[in-house]
Every structure is written in structure tokens, then in C-alpha cells.
Amino acid sequence: EDGEERLVVVQEVDVRKQPDLEQVVRELRRAVLQQHDIPVHTLVLLKPGLIPKTSSGKLQRARCRASFLQGGLETLLVSTLAPGKRSNA
């Protein structure tokens, strides 16, 4: 975006437990910022089983990235930071 790389996290969420998705976003942003000192620009929450994987269960990161960029992920929630904001954690 704007010639810069941005961190996007795609996370599956067990919706059977009826989580507060906004709280999940806050906690994930806070954890990544604390552990890596990198703000999550966009956080994408999906239902279980929707992150592309190989037949052996490995994540297909390139396919996931392409699906995200093309708007092809079936999302529960997408949270993107406002321009100039480091984190909303």
C-alpha cells in the first residue's frame, strides 16, 4: 500500500464459541505488537478451515496472500488501521 509493505494477519476463529470478534482483534493486535514491535495493518478473521492449506496441512501463504489481495477470502471481519495510526491495541 502506498509503495510500502504492510503486515496482514489472517486468523481462523472458532465461531461456535461465539467470540467477541472486536476483542479478538484487539488481543491479536496487542500480542503481535508486544512480541514483534510491528503493528498489524490489517487483521482478517475467518471461519475454521478457510485458510488455504496443502493436502498435508501446511499453510499456503502465497495463495492466501493472493486471495486476500483479490478479495477472495470469505471473512468474518476485516480490521484495518487508519492511516498514520501505529496500533489500536
PDB file of N, CA and C in Angstrom:
ATOM      1  N   GLU A   1       0.850  -1.178   0.000  1.00  0.00           N
ATOM      2  CA  GLU A   1       0.000   0.000   0.000  1.00  0.00           C
ATOM      3  C   GLU A   1       0.889   1.232   0.000  1.00  0.00           C
ATOM      4  N   ASP A   2       0.613   2.164  -0.875  1.00  0.00           N
ATOM      5  CA  ASP A   2       1.405   3.396  -0.989  1.00  0.00           C
ATOM      6  C   ASP A   2       2.893   3.113  -1.120  1.00  0.00           C
ATOM      7  N   GLY A   3       3.250   2.016  -1.794  1.00  0.00           N
ATOM      8  CA  GLY A   3       4.639   1.664  -2.004  1.00  0.00           C
ATOM      9  C   GLY A   3       5.331   1.055  -0.797  1.00  0.00           C
ATOM     10  N   GLU A   4       4.585   0.769   0.253  1.00  0.00           N
ATOM     11  CA  GLU A   4       5.165   0.181   1.461  1.00  0.00           C
ATOM     12  C   GLU A   4       4.528  -1.169   1.744  1.00  0.00           C
ATOM     13  N   GLU A   5       5.339  -2.052   2.334  1.00  0.00           N
ATOM     14  CA  GLU A   5       4.791  -3.328   2.776  1.00  0.00           C
ATOM     15  C   GLU A   5       4.016  -3.114   4.062  1.00  0.00           C
ATOM     16  N   ARG A   6       2.946  -3.860   4.233  1.00  0.00           N
ATOM     17  CA  ARG A   6       2.113  -3.785   5.437  1.00  0.00           C
ATOM     18  C   ARG A   6       1.897  -5.200   5.951  1.00  0.00           C
ATOM     19  N   LEU A   7       1.858  -5.351   7.265  1.00  0.00           N
ATOM     20  CA  LEU A   7       1.616  -6.658   7.860  1.00  0.00           C
ATOM     21  C   LEU A   7       0.118  -6.940   7.870  1.00  0.00           C
ATOM     22  N   VAL A   8      -0.249  -8.065   7.280  1.00  0.00           N
ATOM     23  CA  VAL A   8      -1.624  -8.547   7.284  1.00  0.00           C
ATOM     24  C   VAL A   8      -1.612  -9.894   7.980  1.00  0.00           C
ATOM     25  N   VAL A   9      -2.485 -10.054   8.954  1.00  0.00           N
ATOM     26  CA  VAL A   9      -2.613 -11.327   9.666  1.00  0.00           C
ATOM     27  C   VAL A   9      -3.981 -11.913   9.332  1.00  0.00           C
ATOM     28  N   VAL A  10      -3.970 -13.168   8.892  1.00  0.00           N
ATOM     29  CA  VAL A  10      -5.205 -13.897   8.620  1.00  0.00           C
ATOM     30  C   VAL A  10      -5.310 -14.979   9.686  1.00  0.00           C
ATOM     31  N   GLN A  11      -6.415 -14.969  10.419  1.00  0.00           N
ATOM     32  CA  GLN A  11      -6.582 -15.865  11.567  1.00  0.00           C
ATOM     33  C   GLN A  11      -7.952 -16.533  11.516  1.00  0.00           C
ATOM     34  N   GLU A  12      -7.952 -17.849  11.702  1.00  0.00           N
ATOM     35  CA  GLU A  12      -9.217 -18.564  11.829  1.00  0.00           C
ATOM     36  C   GLU A  12      -9.723 -18.433  13.260  1.00  0.00           C
ATOM     37  N   VAL A  13     -11.052 -18.331  13.413  1.00  0.00           N
ATOM     38  CA  VAL A  13     -11.676 -18.155  14.726  1.00  0.00           C
ATOM     39  C   VAL A  13     -12.800 -19.173  14.861  1.00  0.00           C
ATOM     40  N   ASP A  14     -12.827 -19.864  15.999  1.00  0.00           N
ATOM     41  CA  ASP A  14     -13.888 -20.835  16.270  1.00  0.00           C
ATOM     42  C   ASP A  14     -15.162 -20.082  16.636  1.00  0.00           C
ATOM     43  N   VAL A  15     -16.066 -19.959  15.683  1.00  0.00           N
ATOM     44  CA  VAL A  15     -17.286 -19.189  15.907  1.00  0.00           C
ATOM     45  C   VAL A  15     -18.315 -19.931  16.754  1.00  0.00           C
ATOM     46  N   ARG A  16     -18.105 -21.233  16.972  1.00  0.00           N
ATOM     47  CA  ARG A  16     -19.030 -21.992  17.824  1.00  0.00           C
ATOM     48  C   ARG A  16     -19.014 -21.463  19.251  1.00  0.00           C
ATOM     49  N   LYS A  17     -17.903 -20.844  19.637  1.00  0.00           N
ATOM     50  CA  LYS A  17     -17.773 -20.287  20.994  1.00  0.00           C
ATOM     51  C   LYS A  17     -18.306 -18.857  21.068  1.00  0.00           C
ATOM     52  N   GLN A  18     -18.820 -18.348  19.964  1.00  0.00           N
ATOM     53  CA  GLN A  18     -19.385 -17.006  19.856  1.00  0.00           C
ATOM     54  C   GLN A  18     -18.462 -15.933  20.456  1.00  0.00           C
ATOM     55  N   PRO A  19     -17.238 -15.836  19.934  1.00  0.00           N
ATOM     56  CA  PRO A  19     -16.299 -14.842  20.469  1.00  0.00           C
ATOM     57  C   PRO A  19     -16.709 -13.420  20.107  1.00  0.00           C
ATOM     58  N   ASP A  20     -16.263 -12.485  20.925  1.00  0.00           N
ATOM     59  CA  ASP A  20     -16.402 -11.064  20.613  1.00  0.00           C
ATOM     60  C   ASP A  20     -15.293 -10.754  19.609  1.00  0.00           C
ATOM     61  N   LEU A  21     -15.645 -10.644  18.339  1.00  0.00           N
ATOM     62  CA  LEU A  21     -14.642 -10.502  17.285  1.00  0.00           C
ATOM     63  C   LEU A  21     -13.810  -9.231  17.430  1.00  0.00           C
ATOM     64  N   GLU A  22     -14.418  -8.160  17.902  1.00  0.00           N
ATOM     65  CA  GLU A  22     -13.655  -6.927  18.118  1.00  0.00           C
ATOM     66  C   GLU A  22     -12.606  -7.124  19.213  1.00  0.00           C
ATOM     67  N   GLN A  23     -12.939  -7.894  20.239  1.00  0.00           N
ATOM     68  CA  GLN A  23     -11.972  -8.176  21.297  1.00  0.00           C
ATOM     69  C   GLN A  23     -10.862  -9.087  20.776  1.00  0.00           C
ATOM     70  N   VAL A  24     -11.206 -10.043  19.940  1.00  0.00           N
ATOM     71  CA  VAL A  24     -10.192 -10.907  19.321  1.00  0.00           C
ATOM     72  C   VAL A  24      -9.211 -10.041  18.540  1.00  0.00           C
ATOM     73  N   VAL A  25      -9.718  -9.085  17.788  1.00  0.00           N
ATOM     74  CA  VAL A  25      -8.862  -8.177  17.012  1.00  0.00           C
ATOM     75  C   VAL A  25      -7.932  -7.405  17.943  1.00  0.00           C
ATOM     76  N   ARG A  26      -8.486  -6.831  19.003  1.00  0.00           N
ATOM     77  CA  ARG A  26      -7.655  -6.052  19.942  1.00  0.00           C
ATOM     78  C   ARG A  26      -6.558  -6.916  20.555  1.00  0.00           C
ATOM     79  N   GLU A  27      -6.908  -8.124  20.984  1.00  0.00           N
ATOM     80  CA  GLU A  27      -5.929  -9.005  21.631  1.00  0.00           C
ATOM     81  C   GLU A  27      -4.849  -9.462  20.657  1.00  0.00           C
ATOM     82  N   LEU A  28      -5.233  -9.787  19.426  1.00  0.00           N
ATOM     83  CA  LEU A  28      -4.234 -10.194  18.435  1.00  0.00           C
ATOM     84  C   LEU A  28      -3.300  -9.044  18.084  1.00  0.00           C
ATOM     85  N   ARG A  29      -3.854  -7.859  17.889  1.00  0.00           N
ATOM     86  CA  ARG A  29      -3.006  -6.692  17.601  1.00  0.00           C
ATOM     87  C   ARG A  29      -2.024  -6.440  18.744  1.00  0.00           C
ATOM     88  N   ARG A  30      -2.529  -6.481  19.970  1.00  0.00           N
ATOM     89  CA  ARG A  30      -1.687  -6.236  21.144  1.00  0.00           C
ATOM     90  C   ARG A  30      -0.572  -7.283  21.231  1.00  0.00           C
ATOM     91  N   ALA A  31      -0.909  -8.560  21.039  1.00  0.00           N
ATOM     92  CA  ALA A  31       0.086  -9.626  21.151  1.00  0.00           C
ATOM     93  C   ALA A  31       1.190  -9.487  20.103  1.00  0.00           C
ATOM     94  N   VAL A  32       0.812  -9.212  18.857  1.00  0.00           N
ATOM     95  CA  VAL A  32       1.818  -9.065  17.794  1.00  0.00           C
ATOM     96  C   VAL A  32       2.696  -7.850  18.063  1.00  0.00           C
ATOM     97  N   LEU A  33       2.100  -6.749  18.484  1.00  0.00           N
ATOM     98  CA  LEU A  33       2.870  -5.543  18.770  1.00  0.00           C
ATOM     99  C   LEU A  33       3.841  -5.776  19.927  1.00  0.00           C
ATOM    100  N   GLN A  34       3.382  -6.442  20.981  1.00  0.00           N
ATOM    101  CA  GLN A  34       4.244  -6.703  22.137  1.00  0.00           C
ATOM    102  C   GLN A  34       5.385  -7.657  21.787  1.00  0.00           C
ATOM    103  N   GLN A  35       5.078  -8.707  21.026  1.00  0.00           N
ATOM    104  CA  GLN A  35       6.086  -9.726  20.718  1.00  0.00           C
ATOM    105  C   GLN A  35       7.065  -9.296  19.623  1.00  0.00           C
ATOM    106  N   HIS A  36       6.599  -8.519  18.655  1.00  0.00           N
ATOM    107  CA  HIS A  36       7.416  -8.238  17.472  1.00  0.00           C
ATOM    108  C   HIS A  36       7.636  -6.754  17.200  1.00  0.00           C
ATOM    109  N   ASP A  37       6.981  -5.888  17.961  1.00  0.00           N
ATOM    110  CA  ASP A  37       7.074  -4.441  17.783  1.00  0.00           C
ATOM    111  C   ASP A  37       6.726  -4.024  16.353  1.00  0.00           C
ATOM    112  N   ILE A  38       5.735  -4.717  15.790  1.00  0.00           N
ATOM    113  CA  ILE A  38       5.251  -4.412  14.450  1.00  0.00           C
ATOM    114  C   ILE A  38       3.731  -4.288  14.529  1.00  0.00           C
ATOM    115  N   PRO A  39       3.179  -3.181  14.075  1.00  0.00           N
ATOM    116  CA  PRO A  39       1.717  -3.069  14.088  1.00  0.00           C
ATOM    117  C   PRO A  39       1.088  -3.927  12.985  1.00  0.00           C
ATOM    118  N   VAL A  40      -0.027  -4.528  13.282  1.00  0.00           N
ATOM    119  CA  VAL A  40      -0.780  -5.280  12.282  1.00  0.00           C
ATOM    120  C   VAL A  40      -1.627  -4.269  11.518  1.00  0.00           C
ATOM    121  N   HIS A  41      -1.312  -4.080  10.255  1.00  0.00           N
ATOM    122  CA  HIS A  41      -2.057  -3.117   9.442  1.00  0.00           C
ATOM    123  C   HIS A  41      -3.489  -3.601   9.209  1.00  0.00           C
ATOM    124  N   THR A  42      -3.615  -4.859   8.795  1.00  0.00           N
ATOM    125  CA  THR A  42      -4.939  -5.422   8.546  1.00  0.00           C
ATOM    126  C   THR A  42      -5.024  -6.790   9.192  1.00  0.00           C
ATOM    127  N   LEU A  43      -6.108  -7.010   9.897  1.00  0.00           N
ATOM    128  CA  LEU A  43      -6.361  -8.289  10.542  1.00  0.00           C
ATOM    129  C   LEU A  43      -7.631  -8.862   9.925  1.00  0.00           C
ATOM    130  N   VAL A  44      -7.528 -10.093   9.439  1.00  0.00           N
ATOM    131  CA  VAL A  44      -8.639 -10.752   8.767  1.00  0.00           C
ATOM    132  C   VAL A  44      -9.029 -11.980   9.581  1.00  0.00           C
ATOM    133  N   LEU A  45     -10.280 -12.046  10.002  1.00  0.00           N
ATOM    134  CA  LEU A  45     -10.774 -13.197  10.744  1.00  0.00           C
ATOM    135  C   LEU A  45     -11.643 -14.051   9.826  1.00  0.00           C
ATOM    136  N   LEU A  46     -11.374 -15.364   9.848  1.00  0.00           N
ATOM    137  CA  LEU A  46     -12.088 -16.324   9.023  1.00  0.00           C
ATOM    138  C   LEU A  46     -12.665 -17.439   9.879  1.00  0.00           C
ATOM    139  N   LYS A  47     -13.671 -18.133   9.349  1.00  0.00           N
ATOM    140  CA  LYS A  47     -14.165 -19.341   9.997  1.00  0.00           C
ATOM    141  C   LYS A  47     -13.103 -20.428   9.851  1.00  0.00           C
ATOM    142  N   PRO A  48     -13.094 -21.417  10.764  1.00  0.00           N
ATOM    143  CA  PRO A  48     -12.118 -22.507  10.670  1.00  0.00           C
ATOM    144  C   PRO A  48     -12.188 -23.222   9.318  1.00  0.00           C
ATOM    145  N   GLY A  49     -11.006 -23.593   8.823  1.00  0.00           N
ATOM    146  CA  GLY A  49     -10.917 -24.348   7.580  1.00  0.00           C
ATOM    147  C   GLY A  49     -10.848 -23.512   6.324  1.00  0.00           C
ATOM    148  N   LEU A  50     -10.842 -22.188   6.443  1.00  0.00           N
ATOM    149  CA  LEU A  50     -10.857 -21.338   5.257  1.00  0.00           C
ATOM    150  C   LEU A  50      -9.486 -20.814   4.846  1.00  0.00           C
ATOM    151  N   ILE A  51      -8.466 -20.975   5.679  1.00  0.00           N
ATOM    152  CA  ILE A  51      -7.111 -20.598   5.265  1.00  0.00           C
ATOM    153  C   ILE A  51      -6.615 -21.692   4.324  1.00  0.00           C
ATOM    154  N   PRO A  52      -6.148 -21.318   3.129  1.00  0.00           N
ATOM    155  CA  PRO A  52      -5.678 -22.330   2.174  1.00  0.00           C
ATOM    156  C   PRO A  52      -4.519 -23.140   2.735  1.00  0.00           C
ATOM    157  N   LYS A  53      -4.640 -24.464   2.611  1.00  0.00           N
ATOM    158  CA  LYS A  53      -3.603 -25.381   3.094  1.00  0.00           C
ATOM    159  C   LYS A  53      -3.336 -26.448   2.045  1.00  0.00           C
ATOM    160  N   THR A  54      -2.148 -27.044   2.133  1.00  0.00           N
ATOM    161  CA  THR A  54      -1.820 -28.169   1.258  1.00  0.00           C
ATOM    162  C   THR A  54      -2.528 -29.410   1.785  1.00  0.00           C
ATOM    163  N   SER A  55      -2.439 -30.498   1.049  1.00  0.00           N
ATOM    164  CA  SER A  55      -3.070 -31.745   1.487  1.00  0.00           C
ATOM    165  C   SER A  55      -2.432 -32.271   2.769  1.00  0.00           C
ATOM    166  N   SER A  56      -1.197 -31.855   3.052  1.00  0.00           N
ATOM    167  CA  SER A  56      -0.534 -32.291   4.285  1.00  0.00           C
ATOM    168  C   SER A  56      -0.769 -31.321   5.445  1.00  0.00           C
ATOM    169  N   GLY A  57      -1.520 -30.245   5.191  1.00  0.00           N
ATOM    170  CA  GLY A  57      -1.881 -29.324   6.264  1.00  0.00           C
ATOM    171  C   GLY A  57      -1.008 -28.090   6.399  1.00  0.00           C
ATOM    172  N   LYS A  58      -0.020 -27.934   5.510  1.00  0.00           N
ATOM    173  CA  LYS A  58       0.830 -26.747   5.575  1.00  0.00           C
ATOM    174  C   LYS A  58       0.087 -25.540   4.993  1.00  0.00           C
ATOM    175  N   LEU A  59       0.318 -24.375   5.606  1.00  0.00           N
ATOM    176  CA  LEU A  59      -0.314 -23.154   5.119  1.00  0.00           C
ATOM    177  C   LEU A  59       0.219 -22.798   3.735  1.00  0.00           C
ATOM    178  N   GLN A  60      -0.676 -22.374   2.851  1.00  0.00           N
ATOM    179  CA  GLN A  60      -0.289 -21.903   1.529  1.00  0.00           C
ATOM    180  C   GLN A  60      -0.290 -20.373   1.576  1.00  0.00           C
ATOM    181  N   ARG A  61       0.818 -19.832   2.073  1.00  0.00           N
ATOM    182  CA  ARG A  61       0.898 -18.391   2.296  1.00  0.00           C
ATOM    183  C   ARG A  61       0.719 -17.573   1.019  1.00  0.00           C
ATOM    184  N   ALA A  62       1.354 -17.989  -0.055  1.00  0.00           N
ATOM    185  CA  ALA A  62       1.250 -17.240  -1.311  1.00  0.00           C
ATOM    186  C   ALA A  62      -0.194 -17.259  -1.821  1.00  0.00           C
ATOM    187  N   ARG A  63      -0.849 -18.389  -1.726  1.00  0.00           N
ATOM    188  CA  ARG A  63      -2.250 -18.484  -2.167  1.00  0.00           C
ATOM    189  C   ARG A  63      -3.160 -17.638  -1.273  1.00  0.00           C
ATOM    190  N   CYS A  64      -2.879 -17.652   0.028  1.00  0.00           N
ATOM    191  CA  CYS A  64      -3.659 -16.847   0.967  1.00  0.00           C
ATOM    192  C   CYS A  64      -3.466 -15.357   0.664  1.00  0.00           C
ATOM    193  N   ARG A  65      -2.236 -14.955   0.420  1.00  0.00           N
ATOM    194  CA  ARG A  65      -1.938 -13.556   0.088  1.00  0.00           C
ATOM    195  C   ARG A  65      -2.674 -13.139  -1.176  1.00  0.00           C
ATOM    196  N   ALA A  66      -2.606 -13.988  -2.204  1.00  0.00           N
ATOM    197  CA  ALA A  66      -3.278 -13.679  -3.466  1.00  0.00           C
ATOM    198  C   ALA A  66      -4.791 -13.574  -3.264  1.00  0.00           C
ATOM    199  N   SER A  67      -5.361 -14.488  -2.497  1.00  0.00           N
ATOM    200  CA  SER A  67      -6.805 -14.443  -2.228  1.00  0.00           C
ATOM    201  C   SER A  67      -7.178 -13.169  -1.481  1.00  0.00           C
ATOM    202  N   PHE A  68      -6.348 -12.788  -0.514  1.00  0.00           N
ATOM    203  CA  PHE A  68      -6.603 -11.554   0.239  1.00  0.00           C
ATOM    204  C   PHE A  68      -6.577 -10.342  -0.690  1.00  0.00           C
ATOM    205  N   LEU A  69      -5.535 -10.240  -1.500  1.00  0.00           N
ATOM    206  CA  LEU A  69      -5.374  -9.091  -2.381  1.00  0.00           C
ATOM    207  C   LEU A  69      -6.490  -9.011  -3.431  1.00  0.00           C
ATOM    208  N   GLN A  70      -7.033 -10.158  -3.833  1.00  0.00           N
ATOM    209  CA  GLN A  70      -8.104 -10.190  -4.829  1.00  0.00           C
ATOM    210  C   GLN A  70      -9.487 -10.121  -4.189  1.00  0.00           C
ATOM    211  N   GLY A  71      -9.538 -10.061  -2.847  1.00  0.00           N
ATOM    212  CA  GLY A  71     -10.822 -10.013  -2.160  1.00  0.00           C
ATOM    213  C   GLY A  71     -11.557 -11.337  -2.178  1.00  0.00           C
ATOM    214  N   GLY A  72     -10.804 -12.433  -2.279  1.00  0.00           N
ATOM    215  CA  GLY A  72     -11.416 -13.755  -2.416  1.00  0.00           C
ATOM    216  C   GLY A  72     -11.563 -14.549  -1.129  1.00  0.00           C
ATOM    217  N   LEU A  73     -11.252 -13.961   0.028  1.00  0.00           N
ATOM    218  CA  LEU A  73     -11.411 -14.679   1.291  1.00  0.00           C
ATOM    219  C   LEU A  73     -12.817 -14.442   1.843  1.00  0.00           C
ATOM    220  N   GLU A  74     -13.437 -15.493   2.338  1.00  0.00           N
ATOM    221  CA  GLU A  74     -14.757 -15.374   2.975  1.00  0.00           C
ATOM    222  C   GLU A  74     -14.527 -14.961   4.426  1.00  0.00           C
ATOM    223  N   THR A  75     -14.630 -13.695   4.707  1.00  0.00           N
ATOM    224  CA  THR A  75     -14.236 -13.149   6.002  1.00  0.00           C
ATOM    225  C   THR A  75     -15.404 -13.025   6.980  1.00  0.00           C
ATOM    226  N   LEU A  76     -15.054 -13.140   8.257  1.00  0.00           N
ATOM    227  CA  LEU A  76     -15.976 -12.809   9.337  1.00  0.00           C
ATOM    228  C   LEU A  76     -15.853 -11.327   9.665  1.00  0.00           C
ATOM    229  N   LEU A  77     -14.600 -10.848   9.648  1.00  0.00           N
ATOM    230  CA  LEU A  77     -14.319  -9.462   9.996  1.00  0.00           C
ATOM    231  C   LEU A  77     -12.975  -9.067   9.402  1.00  0.00           C
ATOM    232  N   VAL A  78     -12.888  -7.855   8.903  1.00  0.00           N
ATOM    233  CA  VAL A  78     -11.622  -7.286   8.435  1.00  0.00           C
ATOM    234  C   VAL A  78     -11.437  -5.976   9.183  1.00  0.00           C
ATOM    235  N   SER A  79     -10.277  -5.827   9.842  1.00  0.00           N
ATOM    236  CA  SER A  79      -9.975  -4.621  10.599  1.00  0.00           C
ATOM    237  C   SER A  79      -8.672  -4.029  10.072  1.00  0.00           C
ATOM    238  N   THR A  80      -8.769  -2.810   9.553  1.00  0.00           N
ATOM    239  CA  THR A  80      -7.599  -2.131   9.008  1.00  0.00           C
ATOM    240  C   THR A  80      -7.355  -0.854   9.791  1.00  0.00           C
ATOM    241  N   LEU A  81      -6.084  -0.599  10.132  1.00  0.00           N
ATOM    242  CA  LEU A  81      -5.724   0.617  10.855  1.00  0.00           C
ATOM    243  C   LEU A  81      -5.960   1.845   9.994  1.00  0.00           C
ATOM    244  N   ALA A  82      -6.344   2.915  10.637  1.00  0.00           N
ATOM    245  CA  ALA A  82      -6.485   4.194   9.957  1.00  0.00           C
ATOM    246  C   ALA A  82      -5.093   4.675   9.552  1.00  0.00           C
ATOM    247  N   PRO A  83      -4.985   5.432   8.464  1.00  0.00           N
ATOM    248  CA  PRO A  83      -3.680   5.943   8.030  1.00  0.00           C
ATOM    249  C   PRO A  83      -2.976   6.706   9.161  1.00  0.00           C
ATOM    250  N   GLY A  84      -1.674   6.419   9.322  1.00  0.00           N
ATOM    251  CA  GLY A  84      -0.874   7.108  10.323  1.00  0.00           C
ATOM    252  C   GLY A  84      -0.998   6.554  11.735  1.00  0.00           C
ATOM    253  N   LYS A  85      -1.858   5.588  11.936  1.00  0.00           N
ATOM    254  CA  LYS A  85      -2.051   5.027  13.272  1.00  0.00           C
ATOM    255  C   LYS A  85      -1.133   3.825  13.447  1.00  0.00           C
ATOM    256  N   ARG A  86      -0.427   3.756  14.574  1.00  0.00           N
ATOM    257  CA  ARG A  86       0.505   2.656  14.825  1.00  0.00           C
ATOM    258  C   ARG A  86      -0.232   1.406  15.265  1.00  0.00           C
ATOM    259  N   SER A  87      -1.243   1.543  16.100  1.00  0.00           N
ATOM    260  CA  SER A  87      -1.982   0.391  16.592  1.00  0.00           C
ATOM    261  C   SER A  87      -3.214   0.876  17.310  1.00  0.00           C
ATOM    262  N   ASN A  88      -4.224   0.022  17.354  1.00  0.00           N
ATOM    263  CA  ASN A  88      -5.387   0.344  18.168  1.00  0.00           C
ATOM    264  C   ASN A  88      -5.460  -0.571  19.365  1.00  0.00           C
ATOM    265  N   ALA A  89      -4.324  -1.151  19.715  1.00  0.00           N
ATOM    266  CA  ALA A  89      -4.253  -2.059  20.872  1.00  0.00           C
ATOM    267  C   ALA A  89      -4.232  -1.273  22.156  1.00  0.00           C
TER     268      ALA A  89
END
